[in-house]
Amino acid sequence: MAQKYSKSELAEMILALQERQQIVRENMDEIDSLLARLAKFVTNKPTQDRSLFHLSLNSLIAKVLKEHQHQWLSTIEIVEQVVKLDNQCVDVEIGDPFYMAVKRKLKQLHKQKVIIGGGFHWKIK
């Protein structure tokens, strides 16, 4: 059953809907701005790893693992050799940015089934 509205009631409903529409637009603009700010953090993550090393991290890890393809290497050993190959004089400790970047890349390579290993020791397939 259709309801009948007077012109003034329809005008009031239209105004109320326009107010709601304006609120929704403001909320959408706020969400867009928050997403833009959050996207900066997501896109900056890989570039931080790249800026740590002068050469490609993939190629550095590949060189280290190919040189020692018949033995298991610990993560810290790989990190130390990668840093040395990259011509950087840095004392590497567990938890520092170099260690975390290499560990992240090792996990990624393990997921892609390029290397064998787990949390501490790694070997090329």
PDB file of N, CA and C in Angstrom:
ATOM      1  N   MET A   1       0.832  -1.179   0.000  1.00  0.00           N
ATOM      2  CA  MET A   1       0.000   0.000   0.000  1.00  0.00           C
ATOM      3  C   MET A   1       0.880   1.247   0.000  1.00  0.00           C
ATOM      4  N   ALA A   2       0.639   2.069  -0.934  1.00  0.00           N
ATOM      5  CA  ALA A   2       1.420   3.292  -1.069  1.00  0.00           C
ATOM      6  C   ALA A   2       0.893   4.343  -0.107  1.00  0.00           C
ATOM      7  N   GLN A   3       1.861   5.064   0.487  1.00  0.00           N
ATOM      8  CA  GLN A   3       1.455   6.135   1.396  1.00  0.00           C
ATOM      9  C   GLN A   3       1.441   7.444   0.627  1.00  0.00           C
ATOM     10  N   LYS A   4       0.556   8.313   1.036  1.00  0.00           N
ATOM     11  CA  LYS A   4       0.475   9.616   0.393  1.00  0.00           C
ATOM     12  C   LYS A   4       1.113  10.624   1.331  1.00  0.00           C
ATOM     13  N   TYR A   5       1.985  11.447   0.739  1.00  0.00           N
ATOM     14  CA  TYR A   5       2.656  12.496   1.508  1.00  0.00           C
ATOM     15  C   TYR A   5       2.313  13.847   0.904  1.00  0.00           C
ATOM     16  N   SER A   6       2.280  14.805   1.774  1.00  0.00           N
ATOM     17  CA  SER A   6       2.058  16.170   1.283  1.00  0.00           C
ATOM     18  C   SER A   6       3.376  16.713   0.747  1.00  0.00           C
ATOM     19  N   LYS A   7       3.299  17.816   0.007  1.00  0.00           N
ATOM     20  CA  LYS A   7       4.506  18.407  -0.559  1.00  0.00           C
ATOM     21  C   LYS A   7       5.478  18.826   0.540  1.00  0.00           C
ATOM     22  N   SER A   8       4.979  19.332   1.622  1.00  0.00           N
ATOM     23  CA  SER A   8       5.861  19.785   2.711  1.00  0.00           C
ATOM     24  C   SER A   8       6.556  18.594   3.383  1.00  0.00           C
ATOM     25  N   GLU A   9       5.838  17.479   3.523  1.00  0.00           N
ATOM     26  CA  GLU A   9       6.453  16.277   4.099  1.00  0.00           C
ATOM     27  C   GLU A   9       7.545  15.738   3.175  1.00  0.00           C
ATOM     28  N   LEU A  10       7.263  15.724   1.876  1.00  0.00           N
ATOM     29  CA  LEU A  10       8.264  15.276   0.908  1.00  0.00           C
ATOM     30  C   LEU A  10       9.491  16.189   0.940  1.00  0.00           C
ATOM     31  N   ALA A  11       9.272  17.470   1.047  1.00  0.00           N
ATOM     32  CA  ALA A  11      10.382  18.429   1.097  1.00  0.00           C
ATOM     33  C   ALA A  11      11.228  18.186   2.344  1.00  0.00           C
ATOM     34  N   GLU A  12      10.586  17.925   3.470  1.00  0.00           N
ATOM     35  CA  GLU A  12      11.314  17.638   4.717  1.00  0.00           C
ATOM     36  C   GLU A  12      12.130  16.354   4.590  1.00  0.00           C
ATOM     37  N   MET A  13      11.526  15.322   3.984  1.00  0.00           N
ATOM     38  CA  MET A  13      12.245  14.052   3.814  1.00  0.00           C
ATOM     39  C   MET A  13      13.440  14.232   2.880  1.00  0.00           C
ATOM     40  N   ILE A  14      13.268  15.018   1.832  1.00  0.00           N
ATOM     41  CA  ILE A  14      14.378  15.274   0.905  1.00  0.00           C
ATOM     42  C   ILE A  14      15.498  16.010   1.626  1.00  0.00           C
ATOM     43  N   LEU A  15      15.166  17.007   2.430  1.00  0.00           N
ATOM     44  CA  LEU A  15      16.183  17.744   3.190  1.00  0.00           C
ATOM     45  C   LEU A  15      16.910  16.827   4.168  1.00  0.00           C
ATOM     46  N   ALA A  16      16.163  15.946   4.824  1.00  0.00           N
ATOM     47  CA  ALA A  16      16.782  15.006   5.768  1.00  0.00           C
ATOM     48  C   ALA A  16      17.734  14.066   5.034  1.00  0.00           C
ATOM     49  N   LEU A  17      17.308  13.587   3.869  1.00  0.00           N
ATOM     50  CA  LEU A  17      18.172  12.707   3.071  1.00  0.00           C
ATOM     51  C   LEU A  17      19.411  13.443   2.581  1.00  0.00           C
ATOM     52  N   GLN A  18      19.275  14.697   2.211  1.00  0.00           N
ATOM     53  CA  GLN A  18      20.428  15.481   1.771  1.00  0.00           C
ATOM     54  C   GLN A  18      21.420  15.690   2.921  1.00  0.00           C
ATOM     55  N   GLU A  19      20.899  15.898   4.122  1.00  0.00           N
ATOM     56  CA  GLU A  19      21.775  16.041   5.296  1.00  0.00           C
ATOM     57  C   GLU A  19      22.530  14.740   5.561  1.00  0.00           C
ATOM     58  N   ARG A  20      21.813  13.616   5.475  1.00  0.00           N
ATOM     59  CA  ARG A  20      22.465  12.313   5.658  1.00  0.00           C
ATOM     60  C   ARG A  20      23.523  12.079   4.583  1.00  0.00           C
ATOM     61  N   GLN A  21      23.182  12.453   3.347  1.00  0.00           N
ATOM     62  CA  GLN A  21      24.128  12.291   2.242  1.00  0.00           C
ATOM     63  C   GLN A  21      25.393  13.112   2.504  1.00  0.00           C
ATOM     64  N   GLN A  22      25.239  14.320   3.005  1.00  0.00           N
ATOM     65  CA  GLN A  22      26.395  15.168   3.312  1.00  0.00           C
ATOM     66  C   GLN A  22      27.252  14.537   4.408  1.00  0.00           C
ATOM     67  N   ILE A  23      26.625  13.970   5.423  1.00  0.00           N
ATOM     68  CA  ILE A  23      27.363  13.304   6.505  1.00  0.00           C
ATOM     69  C   ILE A  23      28.130  12.108   5.958  1.00  0.00           C
ATOM     70  N   VAL A  24      27.483  11.331   5.093  1.00  0.00           N
ATOM     71  CA  VAL A  24      28.146  10.166   4.494  1.00  0.00           C
ATOM     72  C   VAL A  24      29.338  10.614   3.654  1.00  0.00           C
ATOM     73  N   ARG A  25      29.183  11.684   2.879  1.00  0.00           N
ATOM     74  CA  ARG A  25      30.299  12.200   2.071  1.00  0.00           C
ATOM     75  C   ARG A  25      31.469  12.627   2.957  1.00  0.00           C
ATOM     76  N   GLU A  26      31.165  13.322   4.057  1.00  0.00           N
ATOM     77  CA  GLU A  26      32.225  13.752   4.976  1.00  0.00           C
ATOM     78  C   GLU A  26      32.944  12.543   5.575  1.00  0.00           C
ATOM     79  N   ASN A  27      32.164  11.525   5.950  1.00  0.00           N
ATOM     80  CA  ASN A  27      32.771  10.301   6.490  1.00  0.00           C
ATOM     81  C   ASN A  27      33.651   9.618   5.447  1.00  0.00           C
ATOM     82  N   MET A  28      33.180   9.585   4.201  1.00  0.00           N
ATOM     83  CA  MET A  28      33.972   8.960   3.136  1.00  0.00           C
ATOM     84  C   MET A  28      35.270   9.730   2.900  1.00  0.00           C
ATOM     85  N   ASP A  29      35.205  11.057   2.941  1.00  0.00           N
ATOM     86  CA  ASP A  29      36.419  11.867   2.771  1.00  0.00           C
ATOM     87  C   ASP A  29      37.409  11.599   3.901  1.00  0.00           C
ATOM     88  N   GLU A  30      36.888  11.483   5.113  1.00  0.00           N
ATOM     89  CA  GLU A  30      37.747  11.198   6.263  1.00  0.00           C
ATOM     90  C   GLU A  30      38.393   9.813   6.128  1.00  0.00           C
ATOM     91  N   ILE A  31      37.614   8.840   5.698  1.00  0.00           N
ATOM     92  CA  ILE A  31      38.149   7.483   5.500  1.00  0.00           C
ATOM     93  C   ILE A  31      39.206   7.486   4.402  1.00  0.00           C
ATOM     94  N   ASP A  32      38.953   8.208   3.305  1.00  0.00           N
ATOM     95  CA  ASP A  32      39.940   8.297   2.222  1.00  0.00           C
ATOM     96  C   ASP A  32      41.249   8.902   2.717  1.00  0.00           C
ATOM     97  N   SER A  33      41.145   9.932   3.530  1.00  0.00           N
ATOM     98  CA  SER A  33      42.371  10.558   4.045  1.00  0.00           C
ATOM     99  C   SER A  33      43.118   9.612   4.979  1.00  0.00           C
ATOM    100  N   LEU A  34      42.394   8.865   5.812  1.00  0.00           N
ATOM    101  CA  LEU A  34      43.041   7.881   6.688  1.00  0.00           C
ATOM    102  C   LEU A  34      43.709   6.779   5.877  1.00  0.00           C
ATOM    103  N   LEU A  35      43.033   6.300   4.844  1.00  0.00           N
ATOM    104  CA  LEU A  35      43.617   5.265   3.987  1.00  0.00           C
ATOM    105  C   LEU A  35      44.880   5.769   3.292  1.00  0.00           C
ATOM    106  N   ALA A  36      44.869   7.001   2.852  1.00  0.00           N
ATOM    107  CA  ALA A  36      46.051   7.566   2.194  1.00  0.00           C
ATOM    108  C   ALA A  36      47.223   7.631   3.168  1.00  0.00           C
ATOM    109  N   ARG A  37      46.943   8.037   4.416  1.00  0.00           N
ATOM    110  CA  ARG A  37      48.022   8.090   5.416  1.00  0.00           C
ATOM    111  C   ARG A  37      48.539   6.697   5.741  1.00  0.00           C
ATOM    112  N   LEU A  38      47.649   5.717   5.855  1.00  0.00           N
ATOM    113  CA  LEU A  38      48.067   4.347   6.151  1.00  0.00           C
ATOM    114  C   LEU A  38      48.814   3.721   4.982  1.00  0.00           C
ATOM    115  N   ALA A  39      48.446   4.068   3.766  1.00  0.00           N
ATOM    116  CA  ALA A  39      49.107   3.511   2.582  1.00  0.00           C
ATOM    117  C   ALA A  39      50.580   3.894   2.553  1.00  0.00           C
ATOM    118  N   LYS A  40      50.924   5.064   3.088  1.00  0.00           N
ATOM    119  CA  LYS A  40      52.332   5.477   3.135  1.00  0.00           C
ATOM    120  C   LYS A  40      53.156   4.482   3.939  1.00  0.00           C
ATOM    121  N   PHE A  41      52.606   4.007   5.041  1.00  0.00           N
ATOM    122  CA  PHE A  41      53.337   3.059   5.879  1.00  0.00           C
ATOM    123  C   PHE A  41      53.501   1.718   5.175  1.00  0.00           C
ATOM    124  N   VAL A  42      52.479   1.288   4.478  1.00  0.00           N
ATOM    125  CA  VAL A  42      52.532  -0.003   3.788  1.00  0.00           C
ATOM    126  C   VAL A  42      53.524   0.051   2.637  1.00  0.00           C
ATOM    127  N   THR A  43      53.513   1.120   1.854  1.00  0.00           N
ATOM    128  CA  THR A  43      54.404   1.200   0.699  1.00  0.00           C
ATOM    129  C   THR A  43      55.835   1.511   1.095  1.00  0.00           C
ATOM    130  N   ASN A  44      56.065   2.097   2.261  1.00  0.00           N
ATOM    131  CA  ASN A  44      57.434   2.420   2.679  1.00  0.00           C
ATOM    132  C   ASN A  44      58.191   1.211   3.188  1.00  0.00           C
ATOM    133  N   LYS A  45      57.506   0.171   3.600  1.00  0.00           N
ATOM    134  CA  LYS A  45      58.174  -0.986   4.200  1.00  0.00           C
ATOM    135  C   LYS A  45      59.240  -1.600   3.289  1.00  0.00           C
ATOM    136  N   PRO A  46      58.918  -1.981   2.050  1.00  0.00           N
ATOM    137  CA  PRO A  46      59.955  -2.583   1.207  1.00  0.00           C
ATOM    138  C   PRO A  46      61.085  -1.625   0.856  1.00  0.00           C
ATOM    139  N   THR A  47      60.786  -0.334   0.699  1.00  0.00           N
ATOM    140  CA  THR A  47      61.844   0.595   0.330  1.00  0.00           C
ATOM    141  C   THR A  47      62.845   0.748   1.463  1.00  0.00           C
ATOM    142  N   GLN A  48      62.409   0.559   2.697  1.00  0.00           N
ATOM    143  CA  GLN A  48      63.348   0.636   3.811  1.00  0.00           C
ATOM    144  C   GLN A  48      64.367  -0.487   3.708  1.00  0.00           C
ATOM    145  N   ASP A  49      63.928  -1.703   3.352  1.00  0.00           N
ATOM    146  CA  ASP A  49      64.860  -2.809   3.185  1.00  0.00           C
ATOM    147  C   ASP A  49      65.826  -2.517   2.047  1.00  0.00           C
ATOM    148  N   ARG A  50      65.303  -1.956   0.958  1.00  0.00           N
ATOM    149  CA  ARG A  50      66.150  -1.663  -0.189  1.00  0.00           C
ATOM    150  C   ARG A  50      67.197  -0.623   0.156  1.00  0.00           C
ATOM    151  N   SER A  51      66.835   0.337   0.986  1.00  0.00           N
ATOM    152  CA  SER A  51      67.787   1.396   1.305  1.00  0.00           C
ATOM    153  C   SER A  51      68.878   0.917   2.258  1.00  0.00           C
ATOM    154  N   LEU A  52      68.678  -0.207   2.930  1.00  0.00           N
ATOM    155  CA  LEU A  52      69.711  -0.743   3.818  1.00  0.00           C
ATOM    156  C   LEU A  52      70.890  -1.292   3.031  1.00  0.00           C
ATOM    157  N   PHE A  53      70.609  -1.895   1.895  1.00  0.00           N
ATOM    158  CA  PHE A  53      71.635  -2.569   1.107  1.00  0.00           C
ATOM    159  C   PHE A  53      71.869  -1.821  -0.196  1.00  0.00           C
ATOM    160  N   HIS A  54      73.135  -1.769  -0.606  1.00  0.00           N
ATOM    161  CA  HIS A  54      73.475  -1.105  -1.863  1.00  0.00           C
ATOM    162  C   HIS A  54      73.107  -1.976  -3.060  1.00  0.00           C
ATOM    163  N   LEU A  55      73.258  -3.281  -2.909  1.00  0.00           N
ATOM    164  CA  LEU A  55      72.952  -4.226  -3.985  1.00  0.00           C
ATOM    165  C   LEU A  55      71.625  -4.916  -3.693  1.00  0.00           C
ATOM    166  N   SER A  56      71.144  -5.681  -4.651  1.00  0.00           N
ATOM    167  CA  SER A  56      69.881  -6.404  -4.492  1.00  0.00           C
ATOM    168  C   SER A  56      70.009  -7.458  -3.395  1.00  0.00           C
ATOM    169  N   LEU A  57      69.084  -7.438  -2.464  1.00  0.00           N
ATOM    170  CA  LEU A  57      69.114  -8.390  -1.355  1.00  0.00           C
ATOM    171  C   LEU A  57      68.956  -9.820  -1.864  1.00  0.00           C
ATOM    172  N   ASN A  58      68.109 -10.023  -2.867  1.00  0.00           N
ATOM    173  CA  ASN A  58      67.943 -11.366  -3.443  1.00  0.00           C
ATOM    174  C   ASN A  58      69.254 -11.899  -3.991  1.00  0.00           C
ATOM    175  N   SER A  59      69.965 -11.073  -4.749  1.00  0.00           N
ATOM    176  CA  SER A  59      71.219 -11.553  -5.347  1.00  0.00           C
ATOM    177  C   SER A  59      72.285 -11.780  -4.284  1.00  0.00           C
ATOM    178  N   LEU A  60      72.311 -10.956  -3.253  1.00  0.00           N
ATOM    179  CA  LEU A  60      73.283 -11.148  -2.170  1.00  0.00           C
ATOM    180  C   LEU A  60      73.034 -12.473  -1.448  1.00  0.00           C
ATOM    181  N   ILE A  61      71.780 -12.745  -1.126  1.00  0.00           N
ATOM    182  CA  ILE A  61      71.437 -13.999  -0.444  1.00  0.00           C
ATOM    183  C   ILE A  61      71.741 -15.183  -1.353  1.00  0.00           C
ATOM    184  N   ALA A  62      71.439 -15.045  -2.642  1.00  0.00           N
ATOM    185  CA  ALA A  62      71.713 -16.136  -3.590  1.00  0.00           C
ATOM    186  C   ALA A  62      73.203 -16.450  -3.648  1.00  0.00           C
ATOM    187  N   LYS A  63      74.047 -15.417  -3.682  1.00  0.00           N
ATOM    188  CA  LYS A  63      75.501 -15.640  -3.714  1.00  0.00           C
ATOM    189  C   LYS A  63      75.969 -16.390  -2.479  1.00  0.00           C
ATOM    190  N   VAL A  64      75.491 -15.952  -1.319  1.00  0.00           N
ATOM    191  CA  VAL A  64      75.910 -16.591  -0.063  1.00  0.00           C
ATOM    192  C   VAL A  64      75.479 -18.050  -0.043  1.00  0.00           C
ATOM    193  N   LEU A  65      74.231 -18.319  -0.392  1.00  0.00           N
ATOM    194  CA  LEU A  65      73.729 -19.693  -0.332  1.00  0.00           C
ATOM    195  C   LEU A  65      74.367 -20.584  -1.401  1.00  0.00           C
ATOM    196  N   LYS A  66      74.690 -20.025  -2.568  1.00  0.00           N
ATOM    197  CA  LYS A  66      75.349 -20.822  -3.606  1.00  0.00           C
ATOM    198  C   LYS A  66      76.785 -21.161  -3.224  1.00  0.00           C
ATOM    199  N   GLU A  67      77.463 -20.226  -2.546  1.00  0.00           N
ATOM    200  CA  GLU A  67      78.831 -20.496  -2.096  1.00  0.00           C
ATOM    201  C   GLU A  67      78.862 -21.634  -1.076  1.00  0.00           C
ATOM    202  N   HIS A  68      77.797 -21.773  -0.324  1.00  0.00           N
ATOM    203  CA  HIS A  68      77.723 -22.791   0.732  1.00  0.00           C
ATOM    204  C   HIS A  68      76.540 -23.720   0.474  1.00  0.00           C
ATOM    205  N   GLN A  69      76.388 -24.174  -0.762  1.00  0.00           N
ATOM    206  CA  GLN A  69      75.181 -24.917  -1.102  1.00  0.00           C
ATOM    207  C   GLN A  69      75.087 -26.294  -0.466  1.00  0.00           C
ATOM    208  N   HIS A  70      76.195 -26.842   0.025  1.00  0.00           N
ATOM    209  CA  HIS A  70      76.152 -28.178   0.628  1.00  0.00           C
ATOM    210  C   HIS A  70      76.136 -28.125   2.149  1.00  0.00           C
ATOM    211  N   GLN A  71      75.973 -26.947   2.714  1.00  0.00           N
ATOM    212  CA  GLN A  71      75.921 -26.865   4.176  1.00  0.00           C
ATOM    213  C   GLN A  71      74.801 -25.922   4.614  1.00  0.00           C
ATOM    214  N   TRP A  72      74.331 -26.172   5.819  1.00  0.00           N
ATOM    215  CA  TRP A  72      73.285 -25.345   6.406  1.00  0.00           C
ATOM    216  C   TRP A  72      73.939 -24.116   7.027  1.00  0.00           C
ATOM    217  N   LEU A  73      73.334 -22.953   6.826  1.00  0.00           N
ATOM    218  CA  LEU A  73      73.833 -21.715   7.413  1.00  0.00           C
ATOM    219  C   LEU A  73      72.764 -21.137   8.332  1.00  0.00           C
ATOM    220  N   SER A  74      73.219 -20.602   9.452  1.00  0.00           N
ATOM    221  CA  SER A  74      72.267 -19.941  10.342  1.00  0.00           C
ATOM    222  C   SER A  74      71.922 -18.571   9.767  1.00  0.00           C
ATOM    223  N   THR A  75      70.834 -18.021  10.229  1.00  0.00           N
ATOM    224  CA  THR A  75      70.400 -16.715   9.744  1.00  0.00           C
ATOM    225  C   THR A  75      71.470 -15.665   9.988  1.00  0.00           C
ATOM    226  N   ILE A  76      72.066 -15.678  11.164  1.00  0.00           N
ATOM    227  CA  ILE A  76      73.073 -14.665  11.497  1.00  0.00           C
ATOM    228  C   ILE A  76      74.303 -14.803  10.605  1.00  0.00           C
ATOM    229  N   GLU A  77      74.685 -16.047  10.259  1.00  0.00           N
ATOM    230  CA  GLU A  77      75.817 -16.254   9.347  1.00  0.00           C
ATOM    231  C   GLU A  77      75.500 -15.678   7.966  1.00  0.00           C
ATOM    232  N   ILE A  78      74.290 -15.904   7.515  1.00  0.00           N
ATOM    233  CA  ILE A  78      73.880 -15.377   6.210  1.00  0.00           C
ATOM    234  C   ILE A  78      73.894 -13.853   6.239  1.00  0.00           C
ATOM    235  N   VAL A  79      73.360 -13.279   7.309  1.00  0.00           N
ATOM    236  CA  VAL A  79      73.312 -11.819   7.416  1.00  0.00           C
ATOM    237  C   VAL A  79      74.720 -11.236   7.405  1.00  0.00           C
ATOM    238  N   GLU A  80      75.624 -11.828   8.184  1.00  0.00           N
ATOM    239  CA  GLU A  80      76.999 -11.318   8.241  1.00  0.00           C
ATOM    240  C   GLU A  80      77.658 -11.362   6.871  1.00  0.00           C
ATOM    241  N   GLN A  81      77.463 -12.456   6.138  1.00  0.00           N
ATOM    242  CA  GLN A  81      78.079 -12.579   4.815  1.00  0.00           C
ATOM    243  C   GLN A  81      77.420 -11.644   3.798  1.00  0.00           C
ATOM    244  N   VAL A  82      76.115 -11.456   3.907  1.00  0.00           N
ATOM    245  CA  VAL A  82      75.413 -10.534   3.010  1.00  0.00           C
ATOM    246  C   VAL A  82      75.920  -9.110   3.224  1.00  0.00           C
ATOM    247  N   VAL A  83      76.068  -8.721   4.479  1.00  0.00           N
ATOM    248  CA  VAL A  83      76.557  -7.373   4.791  1.00  0.00           C
ATOM    249  C   VAL A  83      77.986  -7.201   4.279  1.00  0.00           C
ATOM    250  N   LYS A  84      78.802  -8.240   4.441  1.00  0.00           N
ATOM    251  CA  LYS A  84      80.184  -8.189   3.961  1.00  0.00           C
ATOM    252  C   LYS A  84      80.218  -8.078   2.430  1.00  0.00           C
ATOM    253  N   LEU A  85      79.395  -8.863   1.734  1.00  0.00           N
ATOM    254  CA  LEU A  85      79.327  -8.793   0.269  1.00  0.00           C
ATOM    255  C   LEU A  85      78.849  -7.421  -0.214  1.00  0.00           C
ATOM    256  N   ASP A  86      78.042  -6.781   0.595  1.00  0.00           N
ATOM    257  CA  ASP A  86      77.504  -5.465   0.245  1.00  0.00           C
ATOM    258  C   ASP A  86      78.484  -4.340   0.587  1.00  0.00           C
ATOM    259  N   ASN A  87      79.699  -4.723   1.037  1.00  0.00           N
ATOM    260  CA  ASN A  87      80.757  -3.763   1.394  1.00  0.00           C
ATOM    261  C   ASN A  87      80.335  -2.792   2.493  1.00  0.00           C
ATOM    262  N   GLN A  88      79.685  -3.328   3.504  1.00  0.00           N
ATOM    263  CA  GLN A  88      79.303  -2.505   4.645  1.00  0.00           C
ATOM    264  C   GLN A  88      80.005  -3.044   5.884  1.00  0.00           C
ATOM    265  N   CYS A  89      80.523  -2.142   6.677  1.00  0.00           N
ATOM    266  CA  CYS A  89      81.205  -2.529   7.914  1.00  0.00           C
ATOM    267  C   CYS A  89      80.233  -2.339   9.072  1.00  0.00           C
ATOM    268  N   VAL A  90      79.429  -3.344   9.301  1.00  0.00           N
ATOM    269  CA  VAL A  90      78.408  -3.256  10.341  1.00  0.00           C
ATOM    270  C   VAL A  90      78.488  -4.505  11.197  1.00  0.00           C
ATOM    271  N   ASP A  91      78.463  -4.318  12.513  1.00  0.00           N
ATOM    272  CA  ASP A  91      78.356  -5.462  13.414  1.00  0.00           C
ATOM    273  C   ASP A  91      76.882  -5.840  13.485  1.00  0.00           C
ATOM    274  N   VAL A  92      76.585  -7.040  13.047  1.00  0.00           N
ATOM    275  CA  VAL A  92      75.194  -7.481  12.952  1.00  0.00           C
ATOM    276  C   VAL A  92      74.800  -8.201  14.230  1.00  0.00           C
ATOM    277  N   GLU A  93      73.647  -7.845  14.744  1.00  0.00           N
ATOM    278  CA  GLU A  93      73.090  -8.512  15.918  1.00  0.00           C
ATOM    279  C   GLU A  93      71.658  -8.927  15.593  1.00  0.00           C
ATOM    280  N   ILE A  94      71.194  -9.932  16.317  1.00  0.00           N
ATOM    281  CA  ILE A  94      69.813 -10.377  16.127  1.00  0.00           C
ATOM    282  C   ILE A  94      68.880  -9.227  16.499  1.00  0.00           C
ATOM    283  N   GLY A  95      67.943  -8.947  15.618  1.00  0.00           N
ATOM    284  CA  GLY A  95      66.960  -7.902  15.886  1.00  0.00           C
ATOM    285  C   GLY A  95      67.253  -6.574  15.216  1.00  0.00           C
ATOM    286  N   ASP A  96      68.478  -6.371  14.696  1.00  0.00           N
ATOM    287  CA  ASP A  96      68.750  -5.090  14.044  1.00  0.00           C
ATOM    288  C   ASP A  96      68.115  -5.074  12.648  1.00  0.00           C
ATOM    289  N   PRO A  97      68.038  -3.920  12.003  1.00  0.00           N
ATOM    290  CA  PRO A  97      67.341  -3.830  10.710  1.00  0.00           C
ATOM    291  C   PRO A  97      67.914  -4.740   9.625  1.00  0.00           C
ATOM    292  N   PHE A  98      69.243  -4.915   9.585  1.00  0.00           N
ATOM    293  CA  PHE A  98      69.845  -5.801   8.587  1.00  0.00           C
ATOM    294  C   PHE A  98      69.368  -7.237   8.802  1.00  0.00           C
ATOM    295  N   TYR A  99      69.400  -7.662  10.048  1.00  0.00           N
ATOM    296  CA  TYR A  99      68.973  -9.023  10.394  1.00  0.00           C
ATOM    297  C   TYR A  99      67.508  -9.228  10.018  1.00  0.00           C
ATOM    298  N   MET A 100      66.672  -8.262  10.387  1.00  0.00           N
ATOM    299  CA  MET A 100      65.236  -8.393  10.136  1.00  0.00           C
ATOM    300  C   MET A 100      64.932  -8.409   8.630  1.00  0.00           C
ATOM    301  N   ALA A 101      65.642  -7.597   7.849  1.00  0.00           N
ATOM    302  CA  ALA A 101      65.413  -7.554   6.401  1.00  0.00           C
ATOM    303  C   ALA A 101      65.794  -8.881   5.756  1.00  0.00           C
ATOM    304  N   VAL A 102      66.952  -9.428   6.140  1.00  0.00           N
ATOM    305  CA  VAL A 102      67.400 -10.702   5.561  1.00  0.00           C
ATOM    306  C   VAL A 102      66.476 -11.829   6.002  1.00  0.00           C
ATOM    307  N   LYS A 103      66.092 -11.841   7.261  1.00  0.00           N
ATOM    308  CA  LYS A 103      65.199 -12.892   7.768  1.00  0.00           C
ATOM    309  C   LYS A 103      63.856 -12.853   7.034  1.00  0.00           C
ATOM    310  N   ARG A 104      63.335 -11.645   6.818  1.00  0.00           N
ATOM    311  CA  ARG A 104      62.073 -11.492   6.089  1.00  0.00           C
ATOM    312  C   ARG A 104      62.215 -12.052   4.669  1.00  0.00           C
ATOM    313  N   LYS A 105      63.337 -11.747   4.013  1.00  0.00           N
ATOM    314  CA  LYS A 105      63.564 -12.225   2.644  1.00  0.00           C
ATOM    315  C   LYS A 105      63.749 -13.741   2.622  1.00  0.00           C
ATOM    316  N   LEU A 106      64.437 -14.297   3.631  1.00  0.00           N
ATOM    317  CA  LEU A 106      64.616 -15.750   3.704  1.00  0.00           C
ATOM    318  C   LEU A 106      63.268 -16.454   3.850  1.00  0.00           C
ATOM    319  N   LYS A 107      62.406 -15.908   4.681  1.00  0.00           N
ATOM    320  CA  LYS A 107      61.071 -16.495   4.850  1.00  0.00           C
ATOM    321  C   LYS A 107      60.282 -16.439   3.545  1.00  0.00           C
ATOM    322  N   GLN A 108      60.440 -15.325   2.828  1.00  0.00           N
ATOM    323  CA  GLN A 108      59.757 -15.175   1.544  1.00  0.00           C
ATOM    324  C   GLN A 108      60.275 -16.203   0.535  1.00  0.00           C
ATOM    325  N   LEU A 109      61.585 -16.394   0.483  1.00  0.00           N
ATOM    326  CA  LEU A 109      62.173 -17.378  -0.432  1.00  0.00           C
ATOM    327  C   LEU A 109      61.774 -18.803  -0.041  1.00  0.00           C
ATOM    328  N   HIS A 110      61.657 -19.049   1.258  1.00  0.00           N
ATOM    329  CA  HIS A 110      61.224 -20.361   1.739  1.00  0.00           C
ATOM    330  C   HIS A 110      59.781 -20.621   1.323  1.00  0.00           C
ATOM    331  N   LYS A 111      58.952 -19.600   1.425  1.00  0.00           N
ATOM    332  CA  LYS A 111      57.555 -19.725   1.032  1.00  0.00           C
ATOM    333  C   LYS A 111      57.440 -20.016  -0.467  1.00  0.00           C
ATOM    334  N   GLN A 112      58.366 -19.454  -1.256  1.00  0.00           N
ATOM    335  CA  GLN A 112      58.378 -19.677  -2.702  1.00  0.00           C
ATOM    336  C   GLN A 112      59.069 -20.990  -3.062  1.00  0.00           C
ATOM    337  N   LYS A 113      59.514 -21.713  -2.043  1.00  0.00           N
ATOM    338  CA  LYS A 113      60.182 -23.016  -2.197  1.00  0.00           C
ATOM    339  C   LYS A 113      61.494 -22.922  -2.978  1.00  0.00           C
ATOM    340  N   VAL A 114      62.196 -21.799  -2.823  1.00  0.00           N
ATOM    341  CA  VAL A 114      63.500 -21.614  -3.450  1.00  0.00           C
ATOM    342  C   VAL A 114      64.595 -22.155  -2.538  1.00  0.00           C
ATOM    343  N   ILE A 115      64.371 -22.026  -1.231  1.00  0.00           N
ATOM    344  CA  ILE A 115      65.345 -22.514  -0.255  1.00  0.00           C
ATOM    345  C   ILE A 115      64.664 -23.457   0.728  1.00  0.00           C
ATOM    346  N   ILE A 116      65.502 -24.250   1.392  1.00  0.00           N
ATOM    347  CA  ILE A 116      65.027 -25.177   2.416  1.00  0.00           C
ATOM    348  C   ILE A 116      65.418 -24.571   3.753  1.00  0.00           C
ATOM    349  N   GLY A 117      64.573 -24.733   4.728  1.00  0.00           N
ATOM    350  CA  GLY A 117      64.967 -24.244   6.039  1.00  0.00           C
ATOM    351  C   GLY A 117      63.776 -23.964   6.910  1.00  0.00           C
ATOM    352  N   GLY A 118      64.082 -23.287   7.961  1.00  0.00           N
ATOM    353  CA  GLY A 118      63.050 -22.953   8.915  1.00  0.00           C
ATOM    354  C   GLY A 118      63.411 -21.652   9.576  1.00  0.00           C
ATOM    355  N   GLY A 119      63.280 -21.605  10.865  1.00  0.00           N
ATOM    356  CA  GLY A 119      63.524 -20.373  11.583  1.00  0.00           C
ATOM    357  C   GLY A 119      64.978 -19.998  11.736  1.00  0.00           C
ATOM    358  N   PHE A 120      65.895 -20.976  11.818  1.00  0.00           N
ATOM    359  CA  PHE A 120      67.278 -20.647  12.159  1.00  0.00           C
ATOM    360  C   PHE A 120      68.296 -21.041  11.103  1.00  0.00           C
ATOM    361  N   HIS A 121      68.104 -22.147  10.415  1.00  0.00           N
ATOM    362  CA  HIS A 121      69.092 -22.628   9.451  1.00  0.00           C
ATOM    363  C   HIS A 121      68.482 -22.731   8.063  1.00  0.00           C
ATOM    364  N   TRP A 122      69.293 -22.397   7.050  1.00  0.00           N
ATOM    365  CA  TRP A 122      68.805 -22.315   5.683  1.00  0.00           C
ATOM    366  C   TRP A 122      69.797 -22.967   4.729  1.00  0.00           C
ATOM    367  N   LYS A 123      69.259 -23.422   3.602  1.00  0.00           N
ATOM    368  CA  LYS A 123      70.085 -24.069   2.590  1.00  0.00           C
ATOM    369  C   LYS A 123      69.366 -23.922   1.257  1.00  0.00           C
ATOM    370  N   ILE A 124      70.137 -23.775   0.176  1.00  0.00           N
ATOM    371  CA  ILE A 124      69.530 -23.656  -1.149  1.00  0.00           C
ATOM    372  C   ILE A 124      69.069 -25.033  -1.610  1.00  0.00           C
ATOM    373  N   LYS A 125      67.984 -25.088  -2.371  1.00  0.00           N
ATOM    374  CA  LYS A 125      67.458 -26.374  -2.861  1.00  0.00           C
ATOM    375  C   LYS A 125      68.343 -26.950  -3.922  1.00  0.00           C
TER     376      LYS A 125
END
